[in-house]
């Protein structure tokens, strides 16, 4: 499973379920779960276009 997480700098990263940090204090928002990284990438592009995430 794949997730999109937004950190305190406003950037969104795509991470697998085992990469989500145990200390969730750095995560402002989280979207997912997605079945593939490609699906997560497509949703991240949409979040950037909607102004919810900053491009890296």
PDB file of N, CA and C in Angstrom:
ATOM      1  N   UNK A   1       0.838  -1.172   0.000  1.00  0.00           N
ATOM      2  CA  UNK A   1       0.000   0.000   0.000  1.00  0.00           C
ATOM      3  C   UNK A   1       0.888   1.241   0.000  1.00  0.00           C
ATOM      4  N   UNK A   2       0.395   2.277  -0.643  1.00  0.00           N
ATOM      5  CA  UNK A   2       1.137   3.520  -0.785  1.00  0.00           C
ATOM      6  C   UNK A   2       0.315   4.670  -0.215  1.00  0.00           C
ATOM      7  N   UNK A   3       1.003   5.652   0.343  1.00  0.00           N
ATOM      8  CA  UNK A   3       0.364   6.806   0.943  1.00  0.00           C
ATOM      9  C   UNK A   3       1.072   8.069   0.486  1.00  0.00           C
ATOM     10  N   UNK A   4       0.357   9.178   0.543  1.00  0.00           N
ATOM     11  CA  UNK A   4       0.951  10.491   0.327  1.00  0.00           C
ATOM     12  C   UNK A   4       0.923  11.182   1.682  1.00  0.00           C
ATOM     13  N   UNK A   5       2.071  11.670   2.126  1.00  0.00           N
ATOM     14  CA  UNK A   5       2.140  12.378   3.398  1.00  0.00           C
ATOM     15  C   UNK A   5       2.699  13.776   3.168  1.00  0.00           C
ATOM     16  N   UNK A   6       2.099  14.728   3.852  1.00  0.00           N
ATOM     17  CA  UNK A   6       2.532  16.127   3.774  1.00  0.00           C
ATOM     18  C   UNK A   6       3.292  16.451   5.050  1.00  0.00           C
ATOM     19  N   UNK A   7       4.536  16.930   4.897  1.00  0.00           N
ATOM     20  CA  UNK A   7       5.331  17.268   6.071  1.00  0.00           C
ATOM     21  C   UNK A   7       5.182  18.747   6.398  1.00  0.00           C
ATOM     22  N   UNK A   8       5.873  19.204   7.434  1.00  0.00           N
ATOM     23  CA  UNK A   8       5.711  20.569   7.911  1.00  0.00           C
ATOM     24  C   UNK A   8       6.252  21.629   6.959  1.00  0.00           C
ATOM     25  N   UNK A   9       6.976  21.257   5.914  1.00  0.00           N
ATOM     26  CA  UNK A   9       7.450  22.216   4.922  1.00  0.00           C
ATOM     27  C   UNK A   9       6.439  22.402   3.800  1.00  0.00           C
ATOM     28  N   UNK A  10       5.378  21.605   3.790  1.00  0.00           N
ATOM     29  CA  UNK A  10       4.355  21.703   2.760  1.00  0.00           C
ATOM     30  C   UNK A  10       4.571  20.774   1.583  1.00  0.00           C
ATOM     31  N   UNK A  11       5.690  20.042   1.590  1.00  0.00           N
ATOM     32  CA  UNK A  11       5.976  19.098   0.512  1.00  0.00           C
ATOM     33  C   UNK A  11       5.287  17.770   0.802  1.00  0.00           C
ATOM     34  N   UNK A  12       4.829  17.120  -0.261  1.00  0.00           N
ATOM     35  CA  UNK A  12       4.181  15.817  -0.133  1.00  0.00           C
ATOM     36  C   UNK A  12       5.098  14.743  -0.699  1.00  0.00           C
ATOM     37  N   UNK A  13       5.210  13.654   0.030  1.00  0.00           N
ATOM     38  CA  UNK A  13       6.035  12.532  -0.391  1.00  0.00           C
ATOM     39  C   UNK A  13       5.163  11.298  -0.520  1.00  0.00           C
ATOM     40  N   UNK A  14       5.582  10.429  -1.410  1.00  0.00           N
ATOM     41  CA  UNK A  14       4.916   9.140  -1.578  1.00  0.00           C
ATOM     42  C   UNK A  14       5.738   8.105  -0.828  1.00  0.00           C
ATOM     43  N   UNK A  15       5.088   7.416   0.089  1.00  0.00           N
ATOM     44  CA  UNK A  15       5.784   6.425   0.908  1.00  0.00           C
ATOM     45  C   UNK A  15       4.966   5.144   0.944  1.00  0.00           C
ATOM     46  N   UNK A  16       5.659   4.037   1.133  1.00  0.00           N
ATOM     47  CA  UNK A  16       4.953   2.771   1.313  1.00  0.00           C
ATOM     48  C   UNK A  16       4.511   2.678   2.771  1.00  0.00           C
ATOM     49  N   UNK A  17       3.634   1.756   3.042  1.00  0.00           N
ATOM     50  CA  UNK A  17       3.064   1.653   4.386  1.00  0.00           C
ATOM     51  C   UNK A  17       4.120   1.378   5.454  1.00  0.00           C
ATOM     52  N   UNK A  18       5.215   0.723   5.101  1.00  0.00           N
ATOM     53  CA  UNK A  18       6.261   0.460   6.087  1.00  0.00           C
ATOM     54  C   UNK A  18       7.237   1.620   6.236  1.00  0.00           C
ATOM     55  N   UNK A  19       7.112   2.667   5.415  1.00  0.00           N
ATOM     56  CA  UNK A  19       7.992   3.826   5.508  1.00  0.00           C
ATOM     57  C   UNK A  19       7.365   4.994   6.259  1.00  0.00           C
ATOM     58  N   UNK A  20       6.119   4.873   6.658  1.00  0.00           N
ATOM     59  CA  UNK A  20       5.475   5.959   7.403  1.00  0.00           C
ATOM     60  C   UNK A  20       6.181   6.069   8.748  1.00  0.00           C
ATOM     61  N   UNK A  21       6.665   7.270   9.085  1.00  0.00           N
ATOM     62  CA  UNK A  21       7.427   7.413  10.330  1.00  0.00           C
ATOM     63  C   UNK A  21       6.569   7.115  11.555  1.00  0.00           C
ATOM     64  N   UNK A  22       7.206   6.518  12.551  1.00  0.00           N
ATOM     65  CA  UNK A  22       6.498   6.199  13.791  1.00  0.00           C
ATOM     66  C   UNK A  22       6.108   7.479  14.520  1.00  0.00           C
ATOM     67  N   UNK A  23       6.957   8.506  14.392  1.00  0.00           N
ATOM     68  CA  UNK A  23       6.664   9.797  14.991  1.00  0.00           C
ATOM     69  C   UNK A  23       5.846  10.618  13.990  1.00  0.00           C
ATOM     70  N   UNK A  24       4.552  10.572  14.131  1.00  0.00           N
ATOM     71  CA  UNK A  24       3.673  11.246  13.179  1.00  0.00           C
ATOM     72  C   UNK A  24       3.587  12.746  13.408  1.00  0.00           C
ATOM     73  N   UNK A  25       4.418  13.310  14.298  1.00  0.00           N
ATOM     74  CA  UNK A  25       4.383  14.746  14.556  1.00  0.00           C
ATOM     75  C   UNK A  25       4.796  15.538  13.323  1.00  0.00           C
ATOM     76  N   UNK A  26       5.605  14.947  12.443  1.00  0.00           N
ATOM     77  CA  UNK A  26       6.052  15.637  11.240  1.00  0.00           C
ATOM     78  C   UNK A  26       5.015  15.601  10.124  1.00  0.00           C
ATOM     79  N   UNK A  27       4.016  14.754  10.236  1.00  0.00           N
ATOM     80  CA  UNK A  27       3.006  14.604   9.188  1.00  0.00           C
ATOM     81  C   UNK A  27       1.841  15.547   9.469  1.00  0.00           C
ATOM     82  N   UNK A  28       1.595  16.472   8.544  1.00  0.00           N
ATOM     83  CA  UNK A  28       0.463  17.388   8.686  1.00  0.00           C
ATOM     84  C   UNK A  28      -0.822  16.782   8.130  1.00  0.00           C
ATOM     85  N   UNK A  29      -0.704  16.127   6.962  1.00  0.00           N
ATOM     86  CA  UNK A  29      -1.853  15.468   6.339  1.00  0.00           C
ATOM     87  C   UNK A  29      -1.393  14.176   5.690  1.00  0.00           C
ATOM     88  N   UNK A  30      -2.337  13.270   5.516  1.00  0.00           N
ATOM     89  CA  UNK A  30      -2.031  11.986   4.882  1.00  0.00           C
ATOM     90  C   UNK A  30      -3.196  11.591   3.992  1.00  0.00           C
ATOM     91  N   UNK A  31      -2.870  11.118   2.790  1.00  0.00           N
ATOM     92  CA  UNK A  31      -3.877  10.640   1.845  1.00  0.00           C
ATOM     93  C   UNK A  31      -3.528   9.213   1.451  1.00  0.00           C
ATOM     94  N   UNK A  32      -4.508   8.415   1.181  1.00  0.00           N
ATOM     95  CA  UNK A  32      -4.285   7.038   0.751  1.00  0.00           C
ATOM     96  C   UNK A  32      -5.140   6.124   1.592  1.00  0.00           C
ATOM     97  N   UNK A  33      -5.096   4.937   1.312  1.00  0.00           N
ATOM     98  CA  UNK A  33      -4.054   4.125   0.705  1.00  0.00           C
ATOM     99  C   UNK A  33      -4.314   3.893  -0.780  1.00  0.00           C
ATOM    100  N   UNK A  34      -3.227   3.777  -1.517  1.00  0.00           N
ATOM    101  CA  UNK A  34      -3.276   3.531  -2.949  1.00  0.00           C
ATOM    102  C   UNK A  34      -2.644   2.180  -3.229  1.00  0.00           C
ATOM    103  N   UNK A  35      -3.129   1.505  -4.251  1.00  0.00           N
ATOM    104  CA  UNK A  35      -2.662   0.147  -4.535  1.00  0.00           C
ATOM    105  C   UNK A  35      -1.325   0.122  -5.259  1.00  0.00           C
ATOM    106  N   UNK A  36      -0.962   1.229  -5.932  1.00  0.00           N
ATOM    107  CA  UNK A  36       0.316   1.253  -6.645  1.00  0.00           C
ATOM    108  C   UNK A  36       0.958   2.629  -6.490  1.00  0.00           C
ATOM    109  N   UNK A  37       2.260   2.680  -6.699  1.00  0.00           N
ATOM    110  CA  UNK A  37       2.953   3.962  -6.623  1.00  0.00           C
ATOM    111  C   UNK A  37       2.510   4.880  -7.756  1.00  0.00           C
ATOM    112  N   UNK A  38       2.162   4.302  -8.900  1.00  0.00           N
ATOM    113  CA  UNK A  38       1.698   5.114 -10.025  1.00  0.00           C
ATOM    114  C   UNK A  38       0.389   5.830  -9.687  1.00  0.00           C
ATOM    115  N   UNK A  39      -0.505   5.138  -9.012  1.00  0.00           N
ATOM    116  CA  UNK A  39      -1.763   5.755  -8.595  1.00  0.00           C
ATOM    117  C   UNK A  39      -1.499   6.877  -7.589  1.00  0.00           C
ATOM    118  N   UNK A  40      -0.567   6.659  -6.672  1.00  0.00           N
ATOM    119  CA  UNK A  40      -0.210   7.680  -5.689  1.00  0.00           C
ATOM    120  C   UNK A  40       0.419   8.896  -6.371  1.00  0.00           C
ATOM    121  N   UNK A  41       1.243   8.674  -7.385  1.00  0.00           N
ATOM    122  CA  UNK A  41       1.860   9.778  -8.124  1.00  0.00           C
ATOM    123  C   UNK A  41       0.779  10.618  -8.796  1.00  0.00           C
ATOM    124  N   UNK A  42      -0.185   9.971  -9.415  1.00  0.00           N
ATOM    125  CA  UNK A  42      -1.268  10.703 -10.084  1.00  0.00           C
ATOM    126  C   UNK A  42      -2.058  11.549  -9.081  1.00  0.00           C
ATOM    127  N   UNK A  43      -2.320  11.015  -7.903  1.00  0.00           N
ATOM    128  CA  UNK A  43      -3.044  11.774  -6.887  1.00  0.00           C
ATOM    129  C   UNK A  43      -2.192  12.920  -6.349  1.00  0.00           C
ATOM    130  N   UNK A  44      -0.884  12.708  -6.222  1.00  0.00           N
ATOM    131  CA  UNK A  44       0.015  13.767  -5.750  1.00  0.00           C
ATOM    132  C   UNK A  44       0.022  14.938  -6.734  1.00  0.00           C
ATOM    133  N   UNK A  45       0.022  14.649  -8.024  1.00  0.00           N
ATOM    134  CA  UNK A  45      -0.041  15.701  -9.042  1.00  0.00           C
ATOM    135  C   UNK A  45      -1.326  16.513  -8.856  1.00  0.00           C
ATOM    136  N   UNK A  46      -2.422  15.831  -8.616  1.00  0.00           N
ATOM    137  CA  UNK A  46      -3.687  16.515  -8.374  1.00  0.00           C
ATOM    138  C   UNK A  46      -3.649  17.385  -7.133  1.00  0.00           C
ATOM    139  N   UNK A  47      -2.990  16.914  -6.081  1.00  0.00           N
ATOM    140  CA  UNK A  47      -2.873  17.702  -4.853  1.00  0.00           C
ATOM    141  C   UNK A  47      -2.015  18.942  -5.075  1.00  0.00           C
ATOM    142  N   UNK A  48      -0.961  18.812  -5.879  1.00  0.00           N
ATOM    143  CA  UNK A  48      -0.116  19.959  -6.204  1.00  0.00           C
ATOM    144  C   UNK A  48      -0.925  20.983  -7.008  1.00  0.00           C
ATOM    145  N   UNK A  49      -1.661  20.510  -7.989  1.00  0.00           N
ATOM    146  CA  UNK A  49      -2.481  21.412  -8.823  1.00  0.00           C
ATOM    147  C   UNK A  49      -3.570  22.098  -8.003  1.00  0.00           C
ATOM    148  N   UNK A  50      -4.084  21.420  -6.996  1.00  0.00           N
ATOM    149  CA  UNK A  50      -5.121  21.991  -6.152  1.00  0.00           C
ATOM    150  C   UNK A  50      -4.549  22.919  -5.082  1.00  0.00           C
ATOM    151  N   UNK A  51      -3.219  22.998  -4.995  1.00  0.00           N
ATOM    152  CA  UNK A  51      -2.584  23.879  -4.024  1.00  0.00           C
ATOM    153  C   UNK A  51      -2.460  23.304  -2.636  1.00  0.00           C
ATOM    154  N   UNK A  52      -2.707  22.000  -2.484  1.00  0.00           N
ATOM    155  CA  UNK A  52      -2.605  21.376  -1.173  1.00  0.00           C
ATOM    156  C   UNK A  52      -1.197  20.924  -0.846  1.00  0.00           C
ATOM    157  N   UNK A  53      -0.340  20.803  -1.859  1.00  0.00           N
ATOM    158  CA  UNK A  53       1.053  20.389  -1.676  1.00  0.00           C
ATOM    159  C   UNK A  53       1.953  21.309  -2.517  1.00  0.00           C
ATOM    160  N   UNK A  54       3.170  21.469  -2.042  1.00  0.00           N
ATOM    161  CA  UNK A  54       4.174  22.220  -2.783  1.00  0.00           C
ATOM    162  C   UNK A  54       4.968  21.258  -3.644  1.00  0.00           C
ATOM    163  N   UNK A  55       5.296  21.650  -4.889  1.00  0.00           N
ATOM    164  CA  UNK A  55       6.155  20.778  -5.695  1.00  0.00           C
ATOM    165  C   UNK A  55       7.562  20.763  -5.112  1.00  0.00           C
ATOM    166  N   UNK A  56       8.257  19.681  -5.331  1.00  0.00           N
ATOM    167  CA  UNK A  56       9.608  19.565  -4.759  1.00  0.00           C
ATOM    168  C   UNK A  56      10.657  20.122  -5.651  1.00  0.00           C
TER     169      UNK A  56
END
